[in-house]
């Protein structure tokens, strides 16, 4: 059992090293490109390695369970830090002001650009929205994702909008 834990961590660290190397050599430009790349780096490659390393099917499952858990958490964290986020900007602003910032004085840098230009470009590159002149429309892929998110939010009892 201890070997499975060590091997699971080693497999995750190996995937992390491959991720860093690949991103240093040629980082994918869009969300649509880096998600499949991460799936291969943290999914397909480690599964193939685990298949050859694990002596029994139970060890194989244990190895992938630990590695998969770490990989999913890393993937979620990577999404957070890889793109502009008004929430992260707010945290950074508050970090620079240990005494806090009055709500009326909140002036977040880059929020307008981050909420409009950068996000629209990312969504358009991923095929979720289409900009036609001054108008922005949802593409079928964006409609599908929006409906899926709303179904999920309703299933767990959250309203259509707002945090949560």
N, C-alpha and C. Protein backbone atom coordinates (compact mmCIF):
# COMPACT_ATOMS: atom_id res chain seq x y z
N UNK A 1 0.81 -1.19 0.00
CA UNK A 1 0.00 0.00 0.00
C UNK A 1 0.86 1.26 0.00
N UNK A 2 1.92 1.25 0.77
CA UNK A 2 2.83 2.39 0.82
C UNK A 2 3.45 2.64 -0.55
N UNK A 3 3.74 1.56 -1.26
CA UNK A 3 4.31 1.71 -2.61
C UNK A 3 3.33 2.43 -3.54
N UNK A 4 2.04 2.13 -3.41
CA UNK A 4 1.04 2.77 -4.26
C UNK A 4 0.98 4.28 -3.98
N UNK A 5 1.10 4.66 -2.72
CA UNK A 5 1.08 6.08 -2.36
C UNK A 5 2.30 6.78 -2.93
N UNK A 6 3.47 6.17 -2.74
CA UNK A 6 4.71 6.75 -3.26
C UNK A 6 4.66 6.83 -4.78
N UNK A 7 4.22 5.74 -5.41
CA UNK A 7 4.13 5.72 -6.88
C UNK A 7 3.10 6.73 -7.39
N UNK A 8 1.98 6.89 -6.67
CA UNK A 8 0.97 7.86 -7.07
C UNK A 8 1.49 9.29 -7.02
N UNK A 9 2.20 9.63 -5.95
CA UNK A 9 2.81 10.96 -5.86
C UNK A 9 3.89 11.14 -6.93
N UNK A 10 4.69 10.10 -7.14
CA UNK A 10 5.75 10.18 -8.16
C UNK A 10 5.15 10.37 -9.55
N UNK A 11 4.05 9.68 -9.82
CA UNK A 11 3.39 9.82 -11.11
C UNK A 11 2.85 11.23 -11.30
N UNK A 12 2.28 11.79 -10.24
CA UNK A 12 1.78 13.17 -10.32
C UNK A 12 2.94 14.15 -10.53
N UNK A 13 4.03 13.98 -9.79
CA UNK A 13 5.18 14.87 -9.95
C UNK A 13 5.78 14.75 -11.34
N UNK A 14 5.79 13.54 -11.89
CA UNK A 14 6.26 13.34 -13.26
C UNK A 14 5.37 14.11 -14.24
N UNK A 15 4.05 13.99 -14.08
CA UNK A 15 3.11 14.70 -14.95
C UNK A 15 3.28 16.21 -14.82
N UNK A 16 3.50 16.67 -13.60
CA UNK A 16 3.71 18.09 -13.37
C UNK A 16 4.98 18.57 -14.08
N UNK A 17 6.04 17.78 -14.01
CA UNK A 17 7.29 18.13 -14.70
C UNK A 17 7.07 18.16 -16.22
N UNK A 18 6.35 17.18 -16.74
CA UNK A 18 6.06 17.17 -18.19
C UNK A 18 5.25 18.40 -18.56
N UNK A 19 4.28 18.74 -17.74
CA UNK A 19 3.45 19.92 -17.99
C UNK A 19 4.32 21.18 -18.08
N UNK A 20 5.20 21.36 -17.10
CA UNK A 20 6.06 22.54 -17.09
C UNK A 20 6.96 22.57 -18.32
N UNK A 21 7.54 21.44 -18.66
CA UNK A 21 8.43 21.37 -19.84
C UNK A 21 7.67 21.70 -21.12
N UNK A 22 6.51 21.08 -21.30
CA UNK A 22 5.72 21.33 -22.51
C UNK A 22 5.31 22.79 -22.59
N UNK A 23 4.88 23.37 -21.47
CA UNK A 23 4.45 24.78 -21.48
C UNK A 23 5.63 25.70 -21.73
N UNK A 24 6.83 25.33 -21.27
CA UNK A 24 8.02 26.16 -21.52
C UNK A 24 8.44 26.10 -22.98
N UNK A 25 8.30 24.92 -23.59
CA UNK A 25 8.70 24.76 -24.99
C UNK A 25 7.66 25.38 -25.92
N UNK A 26 6.40 25.05 -25.72
CA UNK A 26 5.35 25.58 -26.58
C UNK A 26 4.01 25.55 -25.85
N UNK A 27 3.69 26.66 -25.20
CA UNK A 27 2.46 26.76 -24.44
C UNK A 27 1.27 26.93 -25.38
N UNK A 28 0.22 26.11 -25.20
CA UNK A 28 -0.99 26.30 -26.02
C UNK A 28 -1.57 27.68 -25.79
N UNK A 29 -2.12 28.26 -26.85
CA UNK A 29 -2.58 29.65 -26.79
C UNK A 29 -3.98 29.83 -26.22
N UNK A 30 -4.84 28.84 -26.40
CA UNK A 30 -6.22 29.03 -25.96
C UNK A 30 -6.66 27.92 -25.02
N UNK A 31 -7.73 28.21 -24.31
CA UNK A 31 -8.34 27.25 -23.40
C UNK A 31 -8.67 25.96 -24.16
N UNK A 32 -9.15 26.13 -25.37
CA UNK A 32 -9.55 25.00 -26.20
C UNK A 32 -8.37 24.11 -26.55
N UNK A 33 -7.17 24.63 -26.55
CA UNK A 33 -5.98 23.83 -26.84
C UNK A 33 -5.34 23.28 -25.57
N UNK A 34 -5.34 24.05 -24.48
CA UNK A 34 -4.62 23.55 -23.31
C UNK A 34 -5.40 22.55 -22.49
N UNK A 35 -6.71 22.54 -22.56
CA UNK A 35 -7.47 21.53 -21.82
C UNK A 35 -7.18 20.12 -22.34
N UNK A 36 -7.24 19.89 -23.67
CA UNK A 36 -6.87 18.56 -24.15
C UNK A 36 -5.41 18.21 -23.87
N UNK A 37 -4.53 19.20 -23.94
CA UNK A 37 -3.12 18.94 -23.65
C UNK A 37 -2.95 18.49 -22.20
N UNK A 38 -3.65 19.16 -21.27
CA UNK A 38 -3.59 18.75 -19.87
C UNK A 38 -4.20 17.36 -19.67
N UNK A 39 -5.25 17.05 -20.43
CA UNK A 39 -5.87 15.72 -20.32
C UNK A 39 -4.90 14.62 -20.73
N UNK A 40 -4.10 14.90 -21.75
CA UNK A 40 -3.10 13.91 -22.18
C UNK A 40 -1.98 13.83 -21.16
N UNK A 41 -1.48 14.98 -20.73
CA UNK A 41 -0.35 15.01 -19.80
C UNK A 41 -0.72 14.42 -18.44
N UNK A 42 -1.92 14.71 -17.94
CA UNK A 42 -2.31 14.25 -16.62
C UNK A 42 -3.23 13.03 -16.64
N UNK A 43 -3.64 12.59 -17.83
CA UNK A 43 -4.56 11.46 -17.92
C UNK A 43 -4.01 10.28 -18.69
N UNK A 44 -3.83 10.46 -19.98
CA UNK A 44 -3.44 9.36 -20.86
C UNK A 44 -2.03 8.86 -20.56
N UNK A 45 -1.08 9.77 -20.50
CA UNK A 45 0.33 9.38 -20.26
C UNK A 45 0.49 8.68 -18.91
N UNK A 46 -0.01 9.26 -17.81
CA UNK A 46 0.14 8.58 -16.52
C UNK A 46 -0.58 7.23 -16.46
N UNK A 47 -1.74 7.14 -17.13
CA UNK A 47 -2.45 5.85 -17.13
C UNK A 47 -1.62 4.78 -17.83
N UNK A 48 -0.98 5.16 -18.93
CA UNK A 48 -0.12 4.20 -19.64
C UNK A 48 1.08 3.80 -18.78
N UNK A 49 1.68 4.76 -18.11
CA UNK A 49 2.82 4.46 -17.24
C UNK A 49 2.37 3.56 -16.09
N UNK A 50 1.24 3.89 -15.47
CA UNK A 50 0.73 3.10 -14.35
C UNK A 50 0.43 1.67 -14.78
N UNK A 51 -0.05 1.51 -15.99
CA UNK A 51 -0.35 0.17 -16.50
C UNK A 51 0.90 -0.72 -16.48
N UNK A 52 2.04 -0.14 -16.82
CA UNK A 52 3.28 -0.91 -16.86
C UNK A 52 3.97 -1.02 -15.51
N UNK A 53 3.71 -0.07 -14.62
CA UNK A 53 4.40 -0.04 -13.32
C UNK A 53 3.67 -0.86 -12.26
N UNK A 54 2.35 -0.82 -12.26
CA UNK A 54 1.56 -1.47 -11.21
C UNK A 54 1.60 -3.00 -11.37
N UNK A 55 1.95 -3.71 -10.29
CA UNK A 55 2.03 -5.17 -10.40
C UNK A 55 0.67 -5.87 -10.43
N UNK A 56 -0.38 -5.24 -9.86
CA UNK A 56 -1.70 -5.86 -9.84
C UNK A 56 -2.75 -4.84 -10.25
N UNK A 57 -3.93 -5.32 -10.65
CA UNK A 57 -5.01 -4.38 -10.98
C UNK A 57 -5.39 -3.48 -9.81
N UNK A 58 -5.32 -3.99 -8.59
CA UNK A 58 -5.64 -3.18 -7.42
C UNK A 58 -4.61 -2.06 -7.24
N UNK A 59 -3.34 -2.37 -7.44
CA UNK A 59 -2.30 -1.34 -7.37
C UNK A 59 -2.49 -0.30 -8.47
N UNK A 60 -2.85 -0.75 -9.66
CA UNK A 60 -3.12 0.15 -10.78
C UNK A 60 -4.24 1.12 -10.41
N UNK A 61 -5.32 0.59 -9.85
CA UNK A 61 -6.45 1.44 -9.45
C UNK A 61 -6.06 2.42 -8.35
N UNK A 62 -5.29 1.94 -7.37
CA UNK A 62 -4.87 2.82 -6.26
C UNK A 62 -3.97 3.93 -6.78
N UNK A 63 -3.06 3.58 -7.66
CA UNK A 63 -2.14 4.55 -8.24
C UNK A 63 -2.91 5.64 -8.99
N UNK A 64 -3.84 5.20 -9.83
CA UNK A 64 -4.62 6.17 -10.61
C UNK A 64 -5.57 6.98 -9.75
N UNK A 65 -6.08 6.38 -8.67
CA UNK A 65 -6.97 7.12 -7.79
C UNK A 65 -6.23 8.29 -7.12
N UNK A 66 -5.04 8.03 -6.61
CA UNK A 66 -4.28 9.11 -5.98
C UNK A 66 -3.83 10.13 -7.03
N UNK A 67 -3.24 9.64 -8.10
CA UNK A 67 -2.78 10.56 -9.15
C UNK A 67 -3.96 11.36 -9.72
N UNK A 68 -5.07 10.68 -9.99
CA UNK A 68 -6.23 11.36 -10.57
C UNK A 68 -6.78 12.44 -9.66
N UNK A 69 -6.82 12.16 -8.37
CA UNK A 69 -7.31 13.16 -7.41
C UNK A 69 -6.42 14.40 -7.42
N UNK A 70 -5.12 14.17 -7.37
CA UNK A 70 -4.19 15.30 -7.39
C UNK A 70 -4.27 16.06 -8.72
N UNK A 71 -4.40 15.33 -9.81
CA UNK A 71 -4.45 15.94 -11.13
C UNK A 71 -5.70 16.81 -11.31
N UNK A 72 -6.83 16.34 -10.80
CA UNK A 72 -8.07 17.12 -10.91
C UNK A 72 -7.96 18.41 -10.10
N UNK A 73 -7.46 18.31 -8.89
CA UNK A 73 -7.29 19.51 -8.05
C UNK A 73 -6.32 20.48 -8.73
N UNK A 74 -5.24 19.96 -9.28
CA UNK A 74 -4.28 20.80 -9.99
C UNK A 74 -4.94 21.47 -11.19
N UNK A 75 -5.72 20.71 -11.95
CA UNK A 75 -6.39 21.27 -13.12
C UNK A 75 -7.33 22.41 -12.77
N UNK A 76 -8.06 22.26 -11.68
CA UNK A 76 -8.96 23.33 -11.23
C UNK A 76 -8.14 24.55 -10.80
N UNK A 77 -7.08 24.31 -10.05
CA UNK A 77 -6.22 25.42 -9.62
C UNK A 77 -5.53 26.10 -10.79
N UNK A 78 -5.12 25.32 -11.78
CA UNK A 78 -4.47 25.89 -12.96
C UNK A 78 -5.43 26.82 -13.69
N UNK A 79 -6.68 26.41 -13.81
CA UNK A 79 -7.68 27.25 -14.46
C UNK A 79 -7.81 28.58 -13.74
N UNK A 80 -7.76 28.54 -12.41
CA UNK A 80 -7.87 29.77 -11.63
C UNK A 80 -6.71 30.72 -11.89
N UNK A 81 -5.50 30.20 -11.90
CA UNK A 81 -4.35 31.09 -12.01
C UNK A 81 -3.93 31.40 -13.44
N UNK A 82 -4.45 30.68 -14.41
CA UNK A 82 -3.96 30.85 -15.78
C UNK A 82 -4.61 32.02 -16.52
N UNK A 83 -5.74 32.49 -16.08
CA UNK A 83 -6.43 33.57 -16.77
C UNK A 83 -6.73 34.70 -15.80
N UNK A 84 -7.03 35.85 -16.36
CA UNK A 84 -7.40 36.99 -15.54
C UNK A 84 -8.67 36.67 -14.78
N UNK A 85 -8.71 37.04 -13.53
CA UNK A 85 -9.90 36.81 -12.71
C UNK A 85 -10.13 38.03 -11.84
N UNK A 86 -11.32 38.65 -11.95
CA UNK A 86 -11.61 39.78 -11.07
C UNK A 86 -11.50 39.40 -9.60
N UNK A 87 -11.85 38.17 -9.27
CA UNK A 87 -11.75 37.73 -7.88
C UNK A 87 -10.30 37.72 -7.41
N UNK A 88 -9.41 37.22 -8.25
CA UNK A 88 -7.99 37.20 -7.89
C UNK A 88 -7.45 38.62 -7.81
N UNK A 89 -7.89 39.49 -8.72
CA UNK A 89 -7.45 40.89 -8.67
C UNK A 89 -7.89 41.54 -7.36
N UNK A 90 -9.11 41.24 -6.92
CA UNK A 90 -9.59 41.78 -5.65
C UNK A 90 -8.73 41.26 -4.49
N UNK A 91 -8.43 39.96 -4.50
CA UNK A 91 -7.58 39.40 -3.45
C UNK A 91 -6.19 40.04 -3.45
N UNK A 92 -5.64 40.27 -4.64
CA UNK A 92 -4.33 40.91 -4.73
C UNK A 92 -4.38 42.34 -4.21
N UNK A 93 -5.46 43.06 -4.54
CA UNK A 93 -5.63 44.42 -4.06
C UNK A 93 -5.70 44.44 -2.53
N UNK A 94 -6.48 43.52 -1.98
CA UNK A 94 -6.62 43.45 -0.53
C UNK A 94 -5.33 43.00 0.14
N UNK A 95 -4.54 42.18 -0.54
CA UNK A 95 -3.25 41.73 -0.01
C UNK A 95 -2.29 42.91 0.13
N UNK A 96 -2.39 43.87 -0.79
CA UNK A 96 -1.52 45.05 -0.73
C UNK A 96 -1.98 46.06 0.32
N UNK A 97 -3.17 45.86 0.88
CA UNK A 97 -3.70 46.79 1.88
C UNK A 97 -4.06 46.01 3.14
N UNK A 98 -3.08 45.79 4.02
CA UNK A 98 -3.33 44.97 5.20
C UNK A 98 -4.44 45.51 6.11
N UNK A 99 -4.69 46.82 6.06
CA UNK A 99 -5.75 47.40 6.89
C UNK A 99 -7.12 47.34 6.21
N UNK A 100 -7.16 46.78 5.01
CA UNK A 100 -8.41 46.69 4.27
C UNK A 100 -8.62 47.88 3.37
N UNK A 101 -9.66 47.77 2.55
CA UNK A 101 -10.01 48.83 1.61
C UNK A 101 -11.50 49.12 1.77
N UNK A 102 -11.87 50.39 1.95
CA UNK A 102 -13.30 50.71 2.03
C UNK A 102 -14.02 50.29 0.75
N UNK A 103 -15.22 49.75 0.91
CA UNK A 103 -15.98 49.28 -0.25
C UNK A 103 -16.15 50.38 -1.29
N UNK A 104 -16.37 51.60 -0.83
CA UNK A 104 -16.58 52.71 -1.77
C UNK A 104 -15.32 53.06 -2.54
N UNK A 105 -14.16 52.66 -2.02
CA UNK A 105 -12.90 53.01 -2.66
C UNK A 105 -12.34 51.89 -3.54
N UNK A 106 -13.08 50.81 -3.68
CA UNK A 106 -12.56 49.69 -4.48
C UNK A 106 -12.41 50.10 -5.94
N UNK A 107 -11.21 50.09 -6.39
CA UNK A 107 -10.88 50.38 -7.78
C UNK A 107 -9.97 49.25 -8.26
N UNK A 108 -10.54 48.27 -8.91
CA UNK A 108 -9.75 47.12 -9.35
C UNK A 108 -9.09 47.42 -10.69
N UNK A 109 -7.76 47.25 -10.77
CA UNK A 109 -7.09 47.49 -12.03
C UNK A 109 -7.47 46.43 -13.04
N UNK A 110 -7.59 46.83 -14.29
CA UNK A 110 -7.82 45.94 -15.42
C UNK A 110 -9.19 45.27 -15.43
N UNK A 111 -10.08 45.62 -14.53
CA UNK A 111 -11.36 44.92 -14.48
C UNK A 111 -12.15 45.13 -15.77
N UNK A 112 -12.21 46.37 -16.24
CA UNK A 112 -12.99 46.60 -17.47
C UNK A 112 -12.43 45.80 -18.63
N UNK A 113 -11.13 45.83 -18.83
CA UNK A 113 -10.53 45.07 -19.91
C UNK A 113 -10.66 43.58 -19.71
N UNK A 114 -10.51 43.15 -18.46
CA UNK A 114 -10.58 41.72 -18.17
C UNK A 114 -11.98 41.17 -18.32
N UNK A 115 -12.97 41.99 -17.98
CA UNK A 115 -14.34 41.52 -18.08
C UNK A 115 -14.86 41.61 -19.50
N UNK A 116 -14.26 42.44 -20.31
CA UNK A 116 -14.76 42.58 -21.67
C UNK A 116 -13.80 41.99 -22.68
N UNK A 117 -12.75 42.69 -22.97
CA UNK A 117 -11.86 42.30 -24.06
C UNK A 117 -11.27 40.90 -23.91
N UNK A 118 -10.54 40.66 -22.82
CA UNK A 118 -9.86 39.37 -22.67
C UNK A 118 -10.84 38.21 -22.57
N UNK A 119 -11.89 38.38 -21.80
CA UNK A 119 -12.86 37.28 -21.66
C UNK A 119 -13.59 37.03 -22.96
N UNK A 120 -13.96 38.07 -23.67
CA UNK A 120 -14.65 37.88 -24.95
C UNK A 120 -13.73 37.17 -25.94
N UNK A 121 -12.45 37.56 -25.97
CA UNK A 121 -11.50 36.90 -26.87
C UNK A 121 -11.35 35.42 -26.53
N UNK A 122 -11.24 35.09 -25.24
CA UNK A 122 -11.12 33.69 -24.82
C UNK A 122 -12.38 32.90 -25.17
N UNK A 123 -13.54 33.48 -24.92
CA UNK A 123 -14.79 32.79 -25.22
C UNK A 123 -14.98 32.61 -26.73
N UNK A 124 -14.59 33.61 -27.49
CA UNK A 124 -14.70 33.51 -28.95
C UNK A 124 -13.73 32.46 -29.50
N UNK A 125 -12.51 32.45 -28.98
CA UNK A 125 -11.51 31.47 -29.43
C UNK A 125 -11.94 30.04 -29.09
N UNK A 126 -12.72 29.89 -28.04
CA UNK A 126 -13.20 28.57 -27.63
C UNK A 126 -14.51 28.19 -28.31
N UNK A 127 -15.08 29.11 -29.09
CA UNK A 127 -16.31 28.81 -29.81
C UNK A 127 -17.58 28.96 -29.00
N UNK A 128 -17.52 29.72 -27.90
CA UNK A 128 -18.71 29.90 -27.07
C UNK A 128 -19.51 31.14 -27.45
N UNK A 129 -18.83 32.18 -27.95
CA UNK A 129 -19.52 33.40 -28.36
C UNK A 129 -19.00 33.84 -29.71
N UNK A 130 -19.77 34.76 -30.32
CA UNK A 130 -19.39 35.31 -31.62
C UNK A 130 -19.67 36.80 -31.55
N UNK A 131 -18.70 37.59 -31.95
CA UNK A 131 -18.89 39.04 -31.96
C UNK A 131 -19.10 39.48 -33.39
N UNK A 132 -20.25 40.12 -33.63
CA UNK A 132 -20.58 40.65 -34.94
C UNK A 132 -20.80 42.14 -34.77
N UNK A 133 -19.80 42.92 -35.16
CA UNK A 133 -19.88 44.36 -34.96
C UNK A 133 -19.94 44.66 -33.48
N UNK A 134 -20.91 45.50 -33.06
CA UNK A 134 -21.01 45.83 -31.63
C UNK A 134 -21.80 44.78 -30.84
N UNK A 135 -22.26 43.74 -31.51
CA UNK A 135 -23.14 42.75 -30.87
C UNK A 135 -22.37 41.48 -30.53
N UNK A 136 -22.71 40.90 -29.40
CA UNK A 136 -22.11 39.65 -28.94
C UNK A 136 -23.21 38.62 -28.79
N UNK A 137 -23.03 37.46 -29.44
CA UNK A 137 -24.05 36.40 -29.39
C UNK A 137 -23.44 35.11 -28.87
N UNK A 138 -24.28 34.29 -28.25
CA UNK A 138 -23.87 32.95 -27.85
C UNK A 138 -23.88 32.04 -29.08
N UNK A 139 -22.86 31.23 -29.21
CA UNK A 139 -22.84 30.19 -30.23
C UNK A 139 -23.57 28.97 -29.66
N UNK A 140 -23.89 28.00 -30.48
CA UNK A 140 -24.55 26.80 -29.95
C UNK A 140 -23.77 26.15 -28.81
N UNK A 141 -22.46 26.14 -28.92
CA UNK A 141 -21.64 25.57 -27.86
C UNK A 141 -21.80 26.36 -26.55
N UNK A 142 -21.90 27.67 -26.65
CA UNK A 142 -22.11 28.51 -25.48
C UNK A 142 -23.49 28.30 -24.87
N UNK A 143 -24.49 28.12 -25.73
CA UNK A 143 -25.84 27.85 -25.23
C UNK A 143 -25.86 26.53 -24.47
N UNK A 144 -25.21 25.52 -25.03
CA UNK A 144 -25.16 24.20 -24.39
C UNK A 144 -24.50 24.31 -23.02
N UNK A 145 -23.36 25.01 -22.95
CA UNK A 145 -22.65 25.15 -21.68
C UNK A 145 -23.49 25.92 -20.66
N UNK A 146 -24.15 26.99 -21.11
CA UNK A 146 -24.98 27.79 -20.22
C UNK A 146 -26.11 26.96 -19.64
N UNK A 147 -26.77 26.19 -20.49
CA UNK A 147 -27.86 25.33 -20.00
C UNK A 147 -27.34 24.29 -19.02
N UNK A 148 -26.20 23.72 -19.31
CA UNK A 148 -25.61 22.72 -18.42
C UNK A 148 -25.29 23.33 -17.05
N UNK A 149 -24.71 24.53 -17.06
CA UNK A 149 -24.39 25.22 -15.81
C UNK A 149 -25.66 25.53 -15.02
N UNK A 150 -26.70 26.01 -15.71
CA UNK A 150 -27.96 26.32 -15.01
C UNK A 150 -28.62 25.07 -14.44
N UNK A 151 -28.57 23.96 -15.18
CA UNK A 151 -29.12 22.70 -14.66
C UNK A 151 -28.37 22.30 -13.40
N UNK A 152 -27.05 22.43 -13.44
CA UNK A 152 -26.24 22.09 -12.26
C UNK A 152 -26.57 23.01 -11.10
N UNK A 153 -26.63 24.33 -11.35
CA UNK A 153 -26.92 25.28 -10.28
C UNK A 153 -28.29 24.99 -9.66
N UNK A 154 -29.28 24.69 -10.49
CA UNK A 154 -30.62 24.37 -9.97
C UNK A 154 -30.58 23.06 -9.17
N UNK A 155 -29.81 22.09 -9.64
CA UNK A 155 -29.73 20.79 -8.95
C UNK A 155 -29.17 20.92 -7.54
N UNK A 156 -28.24 21.87 -7.35
CA UNK A 156 -27.66 22.03 -6.02
C UNK A 156 -28.29 23.19 -5.24
N UNK A 157 -29.36 23.78 -5.83
CA UNK A 157 -30.12 24.78 -5.10
C UNK A 157 -29.62 26.20 -5.20
N UNK A 158 -28.83 26.52 -6.20
CA UNK A 158 -28.35 27.90 -6.38
C UNK A 158 -29.22 28.64 -7.38
N UNK A 159 -29.33 29.97 -7.25
CA UNK A 159 -30.09 30.75 -8.23
C UNK A 159 -29.35 30.83 -9.55
N UNK A 160 -30.04 31.30 -10.59
CA UNK A 160 -29.43 31.41 -11.92
C UNK A 160 -28.20 32.32 -11.94
N UNK A 161 -28.22 33.37 -11.17
CA UNK A 161 -27.10 34.30 -11.18
C UNK A 161 -26.53 34.44 -9.80
N UNK A 162 -25.45 35.15 -9.72
CA UNK A 162 -24.82 35.39 -8.42
C UNK A 162 -23.77 34.37 -8.10
N UNK A 163 -23.15 34.54 -6.96
CA UNK A 163 -22.08 33.65 -6.55
C UNK A 163 -22.60 32.35 -6.00
N UNK A 164 -21.67 31.55 -5.60
CA UNK A 164 -22.09 30.30 -5.01
C UNK A 164 -21.15 29.22 -5.32
